[in-house]
Amino acid sequence: MADLEHPIVTEVNKTGYANLVAQPEHFGTDYFGNEVLIGDSVVLDPSNGEMVLEDSLEDYLIEVKGFQFKTAD
């Protein structure tokens, strides 16, 4: 009886892993250590050159710059 191989294993052996090419390129890390990928929206602090992901901007303004977010009374 011949050894059987799963069709996916056969395909990987012929062509390699397809997902390795599709991964986005790493650009660096932001102030908080978050991975920044090419195409991500970032904010640069001109006073010290720090890069922050746009999604983390509010945290950066509160923790680093001391901003306070309030509702107007």
C-alpha atoms as a PDB file:
ATOM      1  CA  MET A   1       0.000   0.000   0.000  1.00  0.00           C
ATOM      2  CA  ALA A   2       1.417   3.386  -0.987  1.00  0.00           C
ATOM      3  CA  ASP A   3       1.874   6.156   1.588  1.00  0.00           C
ATOM      4  CA  LEU A   4      -0.842   8.794   1.329  1.00  0.00           C
ATOM      5  CA  GLU A   5      -0.161  12.491   1.768  1.00  0.00           C
ATOM      6  CA  HIS A   6      -2.763  15.133   2.543  1.00  0.00           C
ATOM      7  CA  PRO A   7      -3.456  17.329  -0.533  1.00  0.00           C
ATOM      8  CA  ILE A   8      -2.561  20.513   1.369  1.00  0.00           C
ATOM      9  CA  VAL A   9       0.825  19.057   2.311  1.00  0.00           C
ATOM     10  CA  THR A  10       1.421  18.154  -1.331  1.00  0.00           C
ATOM     11  CA  GLU A  11       0.541  21.708  -2.423  1.00  0.00           C
ATOM     12  CA  VAL A  12       2.810  23.302   0.217  1.00  0.00           C
ATOM     13  CA  ASN A  13       5.668  21.046  -0.864  1.00  0.00           C
ATOM     14  CA  LYS A  14       5.183  22.181  -4.480  1.00  0.00           C
ATOM     15  CA  THR A  15       4.565  25.914  -4.036  1.00  0.00           C
ATOM     16  CA  GLY A  16       5.617  26.862  -0.480  1.00  0.00           C
ATOM     17  CA  TYR A  17       3.545  28.685   2.111  1.00  0.00           C
ATOM     18  CA  ALA A  18       1.277  31.192   0.398  1.00  0.00           C
ATOM     19  CA  ASN A  19       0.614  33.439   3.426  1.00  0.00           C
ATOM     20  CA  LEU A  20       4.234  34.513   3.896  1.00  0.00           C
ATOM     21  CA  VAL A  21       4.068  36.889   0.935  1.00  0.00           C
ATOM     22  CA  ALA A  22       0.724  38.428   1.911  1.00  0.00           C
ATOM     23  CA  GLN A  23       1.846  39.753   5.312  1.00  0.00           C
ATOM     24  CA  PRO A  24       2.079  43.555   5.616  1.00  0.00           C
ATOM     25  CA  GLU A  25       5.514  45.114   6.036  1.00  0.00           C
ATOM     26  CA  HIS A  26       6.646  46.163   9.485  1.00  0.00           C
ATOM     27  CA  PHE A  27       7.442  49.902   9.755  1.00  0.00           C
ATOM     28  CA  GLY A  28       8.511  50.092  13.403  1.00  0.00           C
ATOM     29  CA  THR A  29       7.006  50.551  16.850  1.00  0.00           C
ATOM     30  CA  ASP A  30       5.269  53.540  18.361  1.00  0.00           C
ATOM     31  CA  TYR A  31       5.759  55.213  21.754  1.00  0.00           C
ATOM     32  CA  PHE A  32       3.732  52.504  23.518  1.00  0.00           C
ATOM     33  CA  GLY A  33       5.548  49.636  21.800  1.00  0.00           C
ATOM     34  CA  ASN A  34       2.676  48.907  19.410  1.00  0.00           C
ATOM     35  CA  GLU A  35       3.669  47.443  16.052  1.00  0.00           C
ATOM     36  CA  VAL A  36       3.299  49.935  13.202  1.00  0.00           C
ATOM     37  CA  LEU A  37       2.716  48.471   9.741  1.00  0.00           C
ATOM     38  CA  ILE A  38       3.102  50.244   6.418  1.00  0.00           C
ATOM     39  CA  GLY A  39      -0.207  52.006   5.731  1.00  0.00           C
ATOM     40  CA  ASP A  40      -1.114  52.598   9.395  1.00  0.00           C
ATOM     41  CA  SER A  41      -2.152  56.117  10.416  1.00  0.00           C
ATOM     42  CA  VAL A  42       0.387  57.640  12.796  1.00  0.00           C
ATOM     43  CA  VAL A  43       0.882  60.984  14.531  1.00  0.00           C
ATOM     44  CA  LEU A  44       4.337  62.502  15.005  1.00  0.00           C
ATOM     45  CA  ASP A  45       5.101  64.693  18.022  1.00  0.00           C
ATOM     46  CA  PRO A  46       7.289  67.512  16.675  1.00  0.00           C
ATOM     47  CA  SER A  47       8.638  68.361  20.139  1.00  0.00           C
ATOM     48  CA  ASN A  48      10.418  65.029  20.586  1.00  0.00           C
ATOM     49  CA  GLY A  49       9.968  63.060  17.340  1.00  0.00           C
ATOM     50  CA  GLU A  50       7.861  60.324  18.949  1.00  0.00           C
ATOM     51  CA  MET A  51       5.552  58.339  16.675  1.00  0.00           C
ATOM     52  CA  VAL A  52       2.133  57.252  17.988  1.00  0.00           C
ATOM     53  CA  LEU A  53      -0.543  55.193  16.265  1.00  0.00           C
ATOM     54  CA  GLU A  54      -3.579  57.386  15.661  1.00  0.00           C
ATOM     55  CA  ASP A  55      -5.682  54.930  17.697  1.00  0.00           C
ATOM     56  CA  SER A  56      -3.415  55.609  20.720  1.00  0.00           C
ATOM     57  CA  LEU A  57      -3.317  59.390  20.375  1.00  0.00           C
ATOM     58  CA  GLU A  58      -5.738  60.089  23.232  1.00  0.00           C
ATOM     59  CA  ASP A  59      -3.696  57.890  25.607  1.00  0.00           C
ATOM     60  CA  TYR A  60      -0.501  59.688  24.550  1.00  0.00           C
ATOM     61  CA  LEU A  61      -2.015  63.124  25.124  1.00  0.00           C
ATOM     62  CA  ILE A  62      -3.236  62.144  28.597  1.00  0.00           C
ATOM     63  CA  GLU A  63      -0.239  60.113  29.811  1.00  0.00           C
ATOM     64  CA  VAL A  64       2.660  61.987  28.219  1.00  0.00           C
ATOM     65  CA  LYS A  65       1.455  65.519  27.596  1.00  0.00           C
ATOM     66  CA  GLY A  66      -0.878  65.824  30.602  1.00  0.00           C
ATOM     67  CA  PHE A  67      -3.970  66.763  28.613  1.00  0.00           C
ATOM     68  CA  GLN A  68      -7.332  66.504  30.373  1.00  0.00           C
ATOM     69  CA  PHE A  69     -10.463  65.565  28.445  1.00  0.00           C
ATOM     70  CA  LYS A  70     -13.671  66.949  29.958  1.00  0.00           C
ATOM     71  CA  THR A  71     -17.220  67.705  28.986  1.00  0.00           C
ATOM     72  CA  ALA A  72     -18.111  71.406  28.874  1.00  0.00           C
ATOM     73  CA  ASP A  73     -20.589  72.346  31.577  1.00  0.00           C
END
